[in-house]
Amino acid sequence: MGCAPGALSKLLVEPGIYPDPLIGAFDASSEIYDFNRENIKKHGVLIGGNAITGTRSSFANRVREGSYQVGGRIFTYTCAADLDKWLPRILGANEAATDTFKLAELLPSFGVLIDRVSGCFLYRGGMVDTAVWRGQAGPGDGEPELVEQILDLQFLSEDSTVSFPATPPMLSTAANRAPYIVADSVLTIGSAFQFHNFVVVVRNHLQPRWVNSLTPTALCPQDRTVMVRATFPFTKSSDAVLTGLYQLAARNTGVTSTLVLRPSGSAYGTTFKFTGLQWAQTSPVVRGKDEIVLNVDFAARKTGADDELVVVNDNTT
């Protein structure tokens, strides 16, 4: 009996709207992605069987399959080439002007096909519920310096009766697929600040809608949250974390800020532009003999006609 090593798994993405049958037409033109791990799955349930029957046993014929959700996360690295495909699905709008990606009220849908070696699974009608980009400076366990991208996805259905295309696409070896690392990043909030780590979160607050069906019939974006979290060395000179962040009066009204990811000397790069970045004061504390740091949770909000987030992604090779 053989095994199913995860190293042989493959993942494809195809744009489309459920239940368009073309969503299943995965071929050499589909998008292919490498990934570190995934946990997309059908969350099936059985309902019934709890009635009083005169015995402590329950009867199999009194149980039915209930409504279920389908979803999970894809964990991968962040790079300019992949962001060009994923940013419209995360933010809502297609690329506009020159490499500019803006927010929109509606989200596009897509399908995901995963070859899990011993079986192939098709997920239809997908949308991005939450996107996370995070990184930790310096060496450590695992790969902390690489900027990780986590996509939390929801789908309408799962199909395990499909096959992987006989001629799948090939992974790109272009320079713009080099993963970003924390050393590539610059966070500017009025001025540039050094930081130990950062997290950027875009959440679309998807709400599945059930009617008279076992599967959801729609995924409805209910709200939008854009957040940034960072840990700064607690300094009062140089980049002035004390006066420039903790005591900054404009923290209540909002500050225009950027997080730039661009390797030195590269033609490609990504800039997250936050409008109305706000934060509350949370005092630094002495945890021991380690360096004193300042942890800040930021929220980006719309100011006038300016959206809370615009991303400029240049994927030039």
C-alpha atoms as a PDB file:
ATOM      1  CA  MET A   1       0.000   0.000   0.000  1.00  0.00           C
ATOM      2  CA  GLY A   2       1.451   3.349  -1.051  1.00  0.00           C
ATOM      3  CA  CYS A   3       1.230   6.736   0.655  1.00  0.00           C
ATOM      4  CA  ALA A   4       0.063  10.185  -0.406  1.00  0.00           C
ATOM      5  CA  PRO A   5       2.986  12.587   0.241  1.00  0.00           C
ATOM      6  CA  GLY A   6       1.920  16.216   0.475  1.00  0.00           C
ATOM      7  CA  ALA A   7       5.005  17.214  -1.526  1.00  0.00           C
ATOM      8  CA  LEU A   8       3.279  15.878  -4.663  1.00  0.00           C
ATOM      9  CA  SER A   9       0.141  18.000  -4.220  1.00  0.00           C
ATOM     10  CA  LYS A  10      -0.764  20.689  -6.745  1.00  0.00           C
ATOM     11  CA  LEU A  11      -3.122  23.683  -6.633  1.00  0.00           C
ATOM     12  CA  LEU A  12      -4.836  25.516  -9.507  1.00  0.00           C
ATOM     13  CA  VAL A  13      -7.148  28.552  -9.561  1.00  0.00           C
ATOM     14  CA  GLU A  14      -9.635  29.422 -12.299  1.00  0.00           C
ATOM     15  CA  PRO A  15     -11.757  32.609 -12.481  1.00  0.00           C
ATOM     16  CA  GLY A  16     -15.473  32.090 -12.909  1.00  0.00           C
ATOM     17  CA  ILE A  17     -18.945  32.437 -11.443  1.00  0.00           C
ATOM     18  CA  TYR A  18     -20.800  29.484  -9.904  1.00  0.00           C
ATOM     19  CA  PRO A  19     -22.631  27.521 -11.261  1.00  0.00           C
ATOM     20  CA  ASP A  20     -21.032  28.303 -14.646  1.00  0.00           C
ATOM     21  CA  PRO A  21     -19.822  24.889 -15.871  1.00  0.00           C
ATOM     22  CA  LEU A  22     -16.704  26.534 -17.283  1.00  0.00           C
ATOM     23  CA  ILE A  23     -15.441  26.816 -13.723  1.00  0.00           C
ATOM     24  CA  GLY A  24     -14.448  23.165 -14.045  1.00  0.00           C
ATOM     25  CA  ALA A  25     -12.425  23.775 -17.215  1.00  0.00           C
ATOM     26  CA  PHE A  26      -9.022  23.710 -15.567  1.00  0.00           C
ATOM     27  CA  ASP A  27      -6.252  23.377 -18.147  1.00  0.00           C
ATOM     28  CA  ALA A  28      -2.810  24.676 -19.120  1.00  0.00           C
ATOM     29  CA  SER A  29      -4.100  28.284 -19.001  1.00  0.00           C
ATOM     30  CA  SER A  30      -5.232  28.048 -15.350  1.00  0.00           C
ATOM     31  CA  GLU A  31      -3.276  29.749 -12.556  1.00  0.00           C
ATOM     32  CA  ILE A  32      -0.902  27.462 -10.674  1.00  0.00           C
ATOM     33  CA  TYR A  33       0.518  28.272  -7.229  1.00  0.00           C
ATOM     34  CA  ASP A  34       3.043  26.690  -4.947  1.00  0.00           C
ATOM     35  CA  PHE A  35       1.987  26.699  -1.307  1.00  0.00           C
ATOM     36  CA  ASN A  36       3.260  25.704   2.115  1.00  0.00           C
ATOM     37  CA  ARG A  37       0.052  24.104   3.360  1.00  0.00           C
ATOM     38  CA  GLU A  38      -3.729  24.327   3.051  1.00  0.00           C
ATOM     39  CA  ASN A  39      -6.766  23.264   5.072  1.00  0.00           C
ATOM     40  CA  ILE A  40      -9.675  23.868   2.667  1.00  0.00           C
ATOM     41  CA  LYS A  41     -12.380  21.309   3.365  1.00  0.00           C
ATOM     42  CA  LYS A  42     -16.049  20.472   3.501  1.00  0.00           C
ATOM     43  CA  HIS A  43     -17.427  20.691   7.035  1.00  0.00           C
ATOM     44  CA  GLY A  44     -20.124  18.030   6.734  1.00  0.00           C
ATOM     45  CA  VAL A  45     -22.612  17.311   9.516  1.00  0.00           C
ATOM     46  CA  LEU A  46     -25.264  14.706  10.313  1.00  0.00           C
ATOM     47  CA  ILE A  47     -28.494  15.907  11.914  1.00  0.00           C
ATOM     48  CA  GLY A  48     -31.271  14.082  13.747  1.00  0.00           C
ATOM     49  CA  GLY A  49     -31.133  10.884  15.766  1.00  0.00           C
ATOM     50  CA  ASN A  50     -31.810  12.598  19.103  1.00  0.00           C
ATOM     51  CA  ALA A  51     -35.473  11.666  19.527  1.00  0.00           C
ATOM     52  CA  ILE A  52     -36.725   9.707  22.543  1.00  0.00           C
ATOM     53  CA  THR A  53     -37.245   6.101  21.426  1.00  0.00           C
ATOM     54  CA  GLY A  54     -37.609   4.085  24.627  1.00  0.00           C
ATOM     55  CA  THR A  55     -33.961   3.088  24.458  1.00  0.00           C
ATOM     56  CA  ARG A  56     -30.682   4.881  24.865  1.00  0.00           C
ATOM     57  CA  SER A  57     -29.753   3.842  21.315  1.00  0.00           C
ATOM     58  CA  SER A  58     -30.435   6.043  18.291  1.00  0.00           C
ATOM     59  CA  PHE A  59     -31.723   4.794  14.923  1.00  0.00           C
ATOM     60  CA  ALA A  60     -29.743   5.242  11.694  1.00  0.00           C
ATOM     61  CA  ASN A  61     -32.869   5.898   9.595  1.00  0.00           C
ATOM     62  CA  ARG A  62     -33.645   8.989  11.702  1.00  0.00           C
ATOM     63  CA  VAL A  63     -30.442  10.745  10.653  1.00  0.00           C
ATOM     64  CA  ARG A  64     -29.915  12.966   7.575  1.00  0.00           C
ATOM     65  CA  GLU A  65     -27.040  14.884   6.099  1.00  0.00           C
ATOM     66  CA  GLY A  66     -27.352  18.555   7.077  1.00  0.00           C
ATOM     67  CA  SER A  67     -26.320  21.835   5.503  1.00  0.00           C
ATOM     68  CA  TYR A  68     -22.593  22.373   5.383  1.00  0.00           C
ATOM     69  CA  GLN A  69     -19.924  25.004   4.854  1.00  0.00           C
ATOM     70  CA  VAL A  70     -16.841  24.741   2.662  1.00  0.00           C
ATOM     71  CA  GLY A  71     -13.708  26.763   3.289  1.00  0.00           C
ATOM     72  CA  GLY A  72     -10.251  27.038   4.729  1.00  0.00           C
ATOM     73  CA  ARG A  73      -6.862  28.666   4.305  1.00  0.00           C
ATOM     74  CA  ILE A  74      -3.985  28.623   1.861  1.00  0.00           C
ATOM     75  CA  PHE A  75      -0.579  29.472   3.347  1.00  0.00           C
ATOM     76  CA  THR A  76       2.084  30.654   0.925  1.00  0.00           C
ATOM     77  CA  TYR A  77       4.798  33.258   0.360  1.00  0.00           C
ATOM     78  CA  THR A  78       4.086  36.801  -0.864  1.00  0.00           C
ATOM     79  CA  CYS A  79       5.402  37.898  -4.251  1.00  0.00           C
ATOM     80  CA  ALA A  80       4.576  40.581  -6.815  1.00  0.00           C
ATOM     81  CA  ALA A  81       3.510  38.150  -9.566  1.00  0.00           C
ATOM     82  CA  ASP A  82       0.981  36.318  -7.382  1.00  0.00           C
ATOM     83  CA  LEU A  83      -0.401  39.534  -5.875  1.00  0.00           C
ATOM     84  CA  ASP A  84      -1.351  40.722  -9.369  1.00  0.00           C
ATOM     85  CA  LYS A  85      -3.835  37.826  -9.514  1.00  0.00           C
ATOM     86  CA  TRP A  86      -5.029  37.844  -5.902  1.00  0.00           C
ATOM     87  CA  LEU A  87      -5.448  41.565  -5.184  1.00  0.00           C
ATOM     88  CA  PRO A  88      -8.647  41.917  -7.296  1.00  0.00           C
ATOM     89  CA  ARG A  89     -10.135  38.959  -5.390  1.00  0.00           C
ATOM     90  CA  ILE A  90      -9.137  40.451  -2.038  1.00  0.00           C
ATOM     91  CA  LEU A  91     -10.023  44.097  -2.655  1.00  0.00           C
ATOM     92  CA  GLY A  92     -12.793  43.677  -5.245  1.00  0.00           C
ATOM     93  CA  ALA A  93     -11.700  45.858  -8.170  1.00  0.00           C
ATOM     94  CA  ASN A  94      -9.631  44.896 -11.204  1.00  0.00           C
ATOM     95  CA  GLU A  95      -6.300  46.559 -11.876  1.00  0.00           C
ATOM     96  CA  ALA A  96      -6.754  50.201 -12.869  1.00  0.00           C
ATOM     97  CA  ALA A  97      -4.447  52.927 -14.160  1.00  0.00           C
ATOM     98  CA  THR A  98      -0.863  51.750 -13.735  1.00  0.00           C
ATOM     99  CA  ASP A  99      -0.582  48.743 -11.403  1.00  0.00           C
ATOM    100  CA  THR A 100      -3.247  50.216  -9.078  1.00  0.00           C
ATOM    101  CA  PHE A 101      -5.710  48.014  -7.168  1.00  0.00           C
ATOM    102  CA  LYS A 102      -8.630  49.631  -5.338  1.00  0.00           C
ATOM    103  CA  LEU A 103     -11.485  48.553  -3.088  1.00  0.00           C
ATOM    104  CA  ALA A 104     -14.909  47.660  -4.460  1.00  0.00           C
ATOM    105  CA  GLU A 105     -18.222  46.697  -2.864  1.00  0.00           C
ATOM    106  CA  LEU A 106     -18.531  43.373  -4.706  1.00  0.00           C
ATOM    107  CA  LEU A 107     -16.008  40.534  -4.844  1.00  0.00           C
ATOM    108  CA  PRO A 108     -15.222  38.288  -7.830  1.00  0.00           C
ATOM    109  CA  SER A 109     -15.641  34.524  -7.480  1.00  0.00           C
ATOM    110  CA  PHE A 110     -13.258  31.769  -8.531  1.00  0.00           C
ATOM    111  CA  GLY A 111     -12.683  28.042  -8.329  1.00  0.00           C
ATOM    112  CA  VAL A 112      -9.822  26.115  -6.740  1.00  0.00           C
ATOM    113  CA  LEU A 113      -8.667  22.651  -7.810  1.00  0.00           C
ATOM    114  CA  ILE A 114      -6.407  20.721  -5.424  1.00  0.00           C
ATOM    115  CA  ASP A 115      -4.684  17.481  -6.340  1.00  0.00           C
ATOM    116  CA  ARG A 116      -4.203  15.685  -3.012  1.00  0.00           C
ATOM    117  CA  VAL A 117      -2.356  12.801  -4.704  1.00  0.00           C
ATOM    118  CA  SER A 118      -4.936  10.101  -3.919  1.00  0.00           C
ATOM    119  CA  GLY A 119      -7.866  12.296  -4.941  1.00  0.00           C
ATOM    120  CA  CYS A 120      -8.691  15.593  -6.639  1.00  0.00           C
ATOM    121  CA  PHE A 121     -11.053  18.170  -5.099  1.00  0.00           C
ATOM    122  CA  LEU A 122     -12.795  21.045  -6.870  1.00  0.00           C
ATOM    123  CA  TYR A 123     -14.091  23.998  -4.839  1.00  0.00           C
ATOM    124  CA  ARG A 124     -16.622  26.228  -6.634  1.00  0.00           C
ATOM    125  CA  GLY A 125     -17.911  29.760  -6.106  1.00  0.00           C
ATOM    126  CA  GLY A 126     -14.998  30.874  -3.933  1.00  0.00           C
ATOM    127  CA  MET A 127     -14.395  34.303  -2.420  1.00  0.00           C
ATOM    128  CA  VAL A 128     -11.710  35.742  -0.163  1.00  0.00           C
ATOM    129  CA  ASP A 129     -13.002  36.243   3.357  1.00  0.00           C
ATOM    130  CA  THR A 130      -9.695  37.401   4.881  1.00  0.00           C
ATOM    131  CA  ALA A 131      -6.202  38.081   3.556  1.00  0.00           C
ATOM    132  CA  VAL A 132      -3.228  38.322   5.918  1.00  0.00           C
ATOM    133  CA  TRP A 133       0.363  39.312   5.206  1.00  0.00           C
ATOM    134  CA  ARG A 134       2.838  38.924   8.063  1.00  0.00           C
ATOM    135  CA  GLY A 135       6.560  38.794   8.736  1.00  0.00           C
ATOM    136  CA  GLN A 136       9.069  38.730  11.594  1.00  0.00           C
ATOM    137  CA  ALA A 137      12.524  40.307  11.299  1.00  0.00           C
ATOM    138  CA  GLY A 138      15.652  38.296  11.998  1.00  0.00           C
ATOM    139  CA  PRO A 139      16.444  34.589  12.150  1.00  0.00           C
ATOM    140  CA  GLY A 140      14.435  32.110  14.182  1.00  0.00           C
ATOM    141  CA  ASP A 141      12.472  28.880  14.046  1.00  0.00           C
ATOM    142  CA  GLY A 142      10.874  28.190  10.687  1.00  0.00           C
ATOM    143  CA  GLU A 143      11.077  30.983   8.106  1.00  0.00           C
ATOM    144  CA  PRO A 144      10.164  34.163  10.007  1.00  0.00           C
ATOM    145  CA  GLU A 145      11.888  36.595   7.648  1.00  0.00           C
ATOM    146  CA  LEU A 146       9.754  35.586   4.680  1.00  0.00           C
ATOM    147  CA  VAL A 147       6.550  37.575   4.303  1.00  0.00           C
ATOM    148  CA  GLU A 148       3.779  34.979   4.567  1.00  0.00           C
ATOM    149  CA  GLN A 149       0.444  35.340   2.791  1.00  0.00           C
ATOM    150  CA  ILE A 150      -2.567  33.620   4.353  1.00  0.00           C
ATOM    151  CA  LEU A 151      -5.793  33.515   2.336  1.00  0.00           C
ATOM    152  CA  ASP A 152      -8.928  32.521   4.236  1.00  0.00           C
ATOM    153  CA  LEU A 153     -11.398  31.401   1.573  1.00  0.00           C
ATOM    154  CA  GLN A 154     -15.046  30.373   1.527  1.00  0.00           C
ATOM    155  CA  PHE A 155     -16.761  28.334  -1.195  1.00  0.00           C
ATOM    156  CA  LEU A 156     -20.233  27.231  -2.187  1.00  0.00           C
ATOM    157  CA  SER A 157     -19.507  23.558  -2.791  1.00  0.00           C
ATOM    158  CA  GLU A 158     -16.960  20.757  -2.977  1.00  0.00           C
ATOM    159  CA  ASP A 159     -16.714  18.168  -5.764  1.00  0.00           C
ATOM    160  CA  SER A 160     -14.467  15.131  -5.232  1.00  0.00           C
ATOM    161  CA  THR A 161     -15.371  13.383  -8.515  1.00  0.00           C
ATOM    162  CA  VAL A 162     -13.084  15.465 -10.759  1.00  0.00           C
ATOM    163  CA  SER A 163      -9.632  14.880 -12.227  1.00  0.00           C
ATOM    164  CA  PHE A 164      -6.546  17.055 -12.467  1.00  0.00           C
ATOM    165  CA  PRO A 165      -5.839  18.255 -16.044  1.00  0.00           C
ATOM    166  CA  ALA A 166      -3.518  15.984 -18.017  1.00  0.00           C
ATOM    167  CA  THR A 167      -1.510  19.024 -19.144  1.00  0.00           C
ATOM    168  CA  PRO A 168      -1.398  21.436 -16.199  1.00  0.00           C
ATOM    169  CA  PRO A 169       0.317  24.841 -16.273  1.00  0.00           C
ATOM    170  CA  MET A 170       3.934  25.181 -15.209  1.00  0.00           C
ATOM    171  CA  LEU A 171       5.152  27.236 -12.268  1.00  0.00           C
ATOM    172  CA  SER A 172       6.806  30.490 -13.347  1.00  0.00           C
ATOM    173  CA  THR A 173      10.518  30.957 -12.726  1.00  0.00           C
ATOM    174  CA  ALA A 174      10.423  34.731 -13.398  1.00  0.00           C
ATOM    175  CA  ALA A 175      12.191  37.128 -11.029  1.00  0.00           C
ATOM    176  CA  ASN A 176       8.901  38.667  -9.857  1.00  0.00           C
ATOM    177  CA  ARG A 177       7.990  35.398  -8.125  1.00  0.00           C
ATOM    178  CA  ALA A 178      10.844  35.805  -5.656  1.00  0.00           C
ATOM    179  CA  PRO A 179       9.228  35.941  -2.199  1.00  0.00           C
ATOM    180  CA  TYR A 180       9.347  39.166  -0.218  1.00  0.00           C
ATOM    181  CA  ILE A 181      11.278  39.222   3.053  1.00  0.00           C
ATOM    182  CA  VAL A 182      10.930  41.639   5.976  1.00  0.00           C
ATOM    183  CA  ALA A 183      14.216  43.326   5.025  1.00  0.00           C
ATOM    184  CA  ASP A 184      12.500  44.445   1.783  1.00  0.00           C
ATOM    185  CA  SER A 185       9.898  46.465   3.717  1.00  0.00           C
ATOM    186  CA  VAL A 186       9.640  50.106   4.772  1.00  0.00           C
ATOM    187  CA  LEU A 187       6.780  51.296   7.020  1.00  0.00           C
ATOM    188  CA  THR A 188       6.172  55.038   6.861  1.00  0.00           C
ATOM    189  CA  ILE A 189       3.741  56.758   9.247  1.00  0.00           C
ATOM    190  CA  GLY A 190       4.688  60.388   8.789  1.00  0.00           C
ATOM    191  CA  SER A 191       8.297  59.168   8.907  1.00  0.00           C
ATOM    192  CA  ALA A 192       9.871  55.763   8.419  1.00  0.00           C
ATOM    193  CA  PHE A 193       9.992  53.534  11.511  1.00  0.00           C
ATOM    194  CA  GLN A 194      12.029  50.466  12.302  1.00  0.00           C
ATOM    195  CA  PHE A 195       9.945  47.486  13.389  1.00  0.00           C
ATOM    196  CA  HIS A 196      10.397  43.930  14.627  1.00  0.00           C
ATOM    197  CA  ASN A 197       7.335  42.471  12.923  1.00  0.00           C
ATOM    198  CA  PHE A 198       4.172  43.434  11.084  1.00  0.00           C
ATOM    199  CA  VAL A 199       0.762  42.045  10.166  1.00  0.00           C
ATOM    200  CA  VAL A 200      -1.620  43.479   7.545  1.00  0.00           C
ATOM    201  CA  VAL A 201      -5.204  42.185   7.514  1.00  0.00           C
ATOM    202  CA  VAL A 202      -8.005  42.776   5.001  1.00  0.00           C
ATOM    203  CA  ARG A 203     -11.271  41.137   6.063  1.00  0.00           C
ATOM    204  CA  ASN A 204     -14.405  41.088   3.902  1.00  0.00           C
ATOM    205  CA  HIS A 205     -16.764  39.580   6.520  1.00  0.00           C
ATOM    206  CA  LEU A 206     -18.363  37.031   4.185  1.00  0.00           C
ATOM    207  CA  GLN A 207     -21.725  35.674   5.282  1.00  0.00           C
ATOM    208  CA  PRO A 208     -22.940  32.452   3.618  1.00  0.00           C
ATOM    209  CA  ARG A 209     -26.627  32.477   2.712  1.00  0.00           C
ATOM    210  CA  TRP A 210     -28.679  29.284   2.958  1.00  0.00           C
ATOM    211  CA  VAL A 211     -32.163  28.876   1.555  1.00  0.00           C
ATOM    212  CA  ASN A 212     -33.744  25.503   0.747  1.00  0.00           C
ATOM    213  CA  SER A 213     -30.470  23.767  -0.125  1.00  0.00           C
ATOM    214  CA  LEU A 214     -27.705  21.862   1.621  1.00  0.00           C
ATOM    215  CA  THR A 215     -25.044  24.202   0.283  1.00  0.00           C
ATOM    216  CA  PRO A 216     -24.906  28.000   0.527  1.00  0.00           C
ATOM    217  CA  THR A 217     -26.445  29.733  -2.479  1.00  0.00           C
ATOM    218  CA  ALA A 218     -24.425  32.934  -2.076  1.00  0.00           C
ATOM    219  CA  LEU A 219     -21.524  34.468  -0.162  1.00  0.00           C
ATOM    220  CA  CYS A 220     -22.393  38.015   0.886  1.00  0.00           C
ATOM    221  CA  PRO A 221     -19.726  40.553   1.948  1.00  0.00           C
ATOM    222  CA  GLN A 222     -21.196  42.268   5.026  1.00  0.00           C
ATOM    223  CA  ASP A 223     -18.460  44.687   6.070  1.00  0.00           C
ATOM    224  CA  ARG A 224     -14.773  45.479   5.543  1.00  0.00           C
ATOM    225  CA  THR A 225     -11.948  45.743   8.078  1.00  0.00           C
ATOM    226  CA  VAL A 226      -8.406  46.854   7.258  1.00  0.00           C
ATOM    227  CA  MET A 227      -5.910  46.518  10.105  1.00  0.00           C
ATOM    228  CA  VAL A 228      -2.163  46.762  10.657  1.00  0.00           C
ATOM    229  CA  ARG A 229      -0.241  45.506  13.663  1.00  0.00           C
ATOM    230  CA  ALA A 230       3.441  46.176  14.314  1.00  0.00           C
ATOM    231  CA  THR A 231       6.012  45.945  17.095  1.00  0.00           C
ATOM    232  CA  PHE A 232       8.504  48.817  17.309  1.00  0.00           C
ATOM    233  CA  PRO A 233      11.699  49.291  19.340  1.00  0.00           C
ATOM    234  CA  PHE A 234      10.675  51.843  21.973  1.00  0.00           C
ATOM    235  CA  THR A 235      12.922  54.783  21.083  1.00  0.00           C
ATOM    236  CA  LYS A 236      12.704  58.495  21.780  1.00  0.00           C
ATOM    237  CA  SER A 237      15.373  59.557  19.295  1.00  0.00           C
ATOM    238  CA  SER A 238      16.362  58.365  15.828  1.00  0.00           C
ATOM    239  CA  ASP A 239      12.938  57.361  14.440  1.00  0.00           C
ATOM    240  CA  ALA A 240      11.251  58.746  17.598  1.00  0.00           C
ATOM    241  CA  VAL A 241       8.696  56.047  18.437  1.00  0.00           C
ATOM    242  CA  LEU A 242       7.760  57.850  21.673  1.00  0.00           C
ATOM    243  CA  THR A 243       6.889  61.211  20.100  1.00  0.00           C
ATOM    244  CA  GLY A 244       6.267  60.080  16.536  1.00  0.00           C
ATOM    245  CA  LEU A 245       3.841  57.275  17.370  1.00  0.00           C
ATOM    246  CA  TYR A 246       2.807  57.026  20.999  1.00  0.00           C
ATOM    247  CA  GLN A 247       2.313  60.747  21.580  1.00  0.00           C
ATOM    248  CA  LEU A 248       1.311  61.702  18.025  1.00  0.00           C
ATOM    249  CA  ALA A 249      -1.844  63.834  18.208  1.00  0.00           C
ATOM    250  CA  ALA A 250      -3.008  62.845  14.703  1.00  0.00           C
ATOM    251  CA  ARG A 251      -3.415  59.205  15.811  1.00  0.00           C
ATOM    252  CA  ASN A 252      -7.045  60.031  16.667  1.00  0.00           C
ATOM    253  CA  THR A 253      -7.949  61.641  13.335  1.00  0.00           C
ATOM    254  CA  GLY A 254      -5.970  59.393  10.985  1.00  0.00           C
ATOM    255  CA  VAL A 255      -2.603  59.461   9.248  1.00  0.00           C
ATOM    256  CA  THR A 256      -1.810  58.585   5.636  1.00  0.00           C
ATOM    257  CA  SER A 257       0.776  55.790   5.724  1.00  0.00           C
ATOM    258  CA  THR A 258       2.513  53.284   3.460  1.00  0.00           C
ATOM    259  CA  LEU A 259       4.062  49.856   3.715  1.00  0.00           C
ATOM    260  CA  VAL A 260       6.434  49.271   0.813  1.00  0.00           C
ATOM    261  CA  LEU A 261       7.793  45.845  -0.124  1.00  0.00           C
ATOM    262  CA  ARG A 262      10.591  46.159  -2.688  1.00  0.00           C
ATOM    263  CA  PRO A 263      13.872  44.216  -2.797  1.00  0.00           C
ATOM    264  CA  SER A 264      16.895  46.455  -3.274  1.00  0.00           C
ATOM    265  CA  GLY A 265      17.586  47.029  -6.966  1.00  0.00           C
ATOM    266  CA  SER A 266      14.510  45.129  -8.194  1.00  0.00           C
ATOM    267  CA  ALA A 267      12.122  46.322 -10.889  1.00  0.00           C
ATOM    268  CA  TYR A 268       9.094  44.925  -9.047  1.00  0.00           C
ATOM    269  CA  GLY A 269       7.530  45.933  -5.741  1.00  0.00           C
ATOM    270  CA  THR A 270       4.303  46.409  -3.803  1.00  0.00           C
ATOM    271  CA  THR A 271       3.023  49.443  -1.892  1.00  0.00           C
ATOM    272  CA  PHE A 272       0.108  49.327   0.552  1.00  0.00           C
ATOM    273  CA  LYS A 273      -1.298  52.860   0.923  1.00  0.00           C
ATOM    274  CA  PHE A 274      -3.426  53.345   4.045  1.00  0.00           C
ATOM    275  CA  THR A 275      -5.662  56.391   4.434  1.00  0.00           C
ATOM    276  CA  GLY A 276      -6.932  57.417   7.845  1.00  0.00           C
ATOM    277  CA  LEU A 277      -4.668  55.078   9.836  1.00  0.00           C
ATOM    278  CA  GLN A 278      -5.789  55.405  13.478  1.00  0.00           C
ATOM    279  CA  TRP A 279      -4.591  53.889  16.719  1.00  0.00           C
ATOM    280  CA  ALA A 280      -5.138  54.091  20.451  1.00  0.00           C
ATOM    281  CA  GLN A 281      -2.404  54.432  23.046  1.00  0.00           C
ATOM    282  CA  THR A 282      -1.334  51.176  24.677  1.00  0.00           C
ATOM    283  CA  SER A 283       1.598  51.781  26.990  1.00  0.00           C
ATOM    284  CA  PRO A 284       4.896  49.927  26.597  1.00  0.00           C
ATOM    285  CA  VAL A 285       5.807  47.725  29.567  1.00  0.00           C
ATOM    286  CA  VAL A 286       9.006  46.267  31.013  1.00  0.00           C
ATOM    287  CA  ARG A 287       8.827  42.505  30.434  1.00  0.00           C
ATOM    288  CA  GLY A 288      12.228  41.807  31.952  1.00  0.00           C
ATOM    289  CA  LYS A 289      15.753  42.441  30.760  1.00  0.00           C
ATOM    290  CA  ASP A 290      14.759  42.219  27.095  1.00  0.00           C
ATOM    291  CA  GLU A 291      14.416  45.316  24.938  1.00  0.00           C
ATOM    292  CA  ILE A 292      11.355  47.440  25.680  1.00  0.00           C
ATOM    293  CA  VAL A 293       9.016  47.514  22.681  1.00  0.00           C
ATOM    294  CA  LEU A 294       5.846  49.315  21.659  1.00  0.00           C
ATOM    295  CA  ASN A 295       3.012  47.203  20.225  1.00  0.00           C
ATOM    296  CA  VAL A 296       0.522  49.138  18.122  1.00  0.00           C
ATOM    297  CA  ASP A 297      -2.760  47.994  16.573  1.00  0.00           C
ATOM    298  CA  PHE A 298      -3.766  50.266  13.689  1.00  0.00           C
ATOM    299  CA  ALA A 299      -7.113  50.501  11.908  1.00  0.00           C
ATOM    300  CA  ALA A 300      -7.347  52.060   8.420  1.00  0.00           C
ATOM    301  CA  ARG A 301     -10.568  53.931   7.683  1.00  0.00           C
ATOM    302  CA  LYS A 302     -11.978  55.911   4.782  1.00  0.00           C
ATOM    303  CA  THR A 303     -11.448  59.696   4.833  1.00  0.00           C
ATOM    304  CA  GLY A 304     -13.769  61.680   2.595  1.00  0.00           C
ATOM    305  CA  ALA A 305     -13.527  60.283  -0.932  1.00  0.00           C
ATOM    306  CA  ASP A 306     -10.276  58.429  -0.211  1.00  0.00           C
ATOM    307  CA  ASP A 307     -10.585  54.708   0.461  1.00  0.00           C
ATOM    308  CA  GLU A 308      -8.860  53.201   3.463  1.00  0.00           C
ATOM    309  CA  LEU A 309      -6.548  51.102   1.287  1.00  0.00           C
ATOM    310  CA  VAL A 310      -5.087  51.243  -2.216  1.00  0.00           C
ATOM    311  CA  VAL A 311      -2.384  48.816  -3.333  1.00  0.00           C
ATOM    312  CA  VAL A 312       0.110  49.587  -6.093  1.00  0.00           C
ATOM    313  CA  ASN A 313       1.655  46.354  -7.327  1.00  0.00           C
ATOM    314  CA  ASP A 314       4.368  46.538  -9.973  1.00  0.00           C
ATOM    315  CA  ASN A 315       5.118  43.026 -11.192  1.00  0.00           C
ATOM    316  CA  THR A 316       7.713  44.038 -13.759  1.00  0.00           C
ATOM    317  CA  THR A 317      10.140  41.172 -14.381  1.00  0.00           C
END
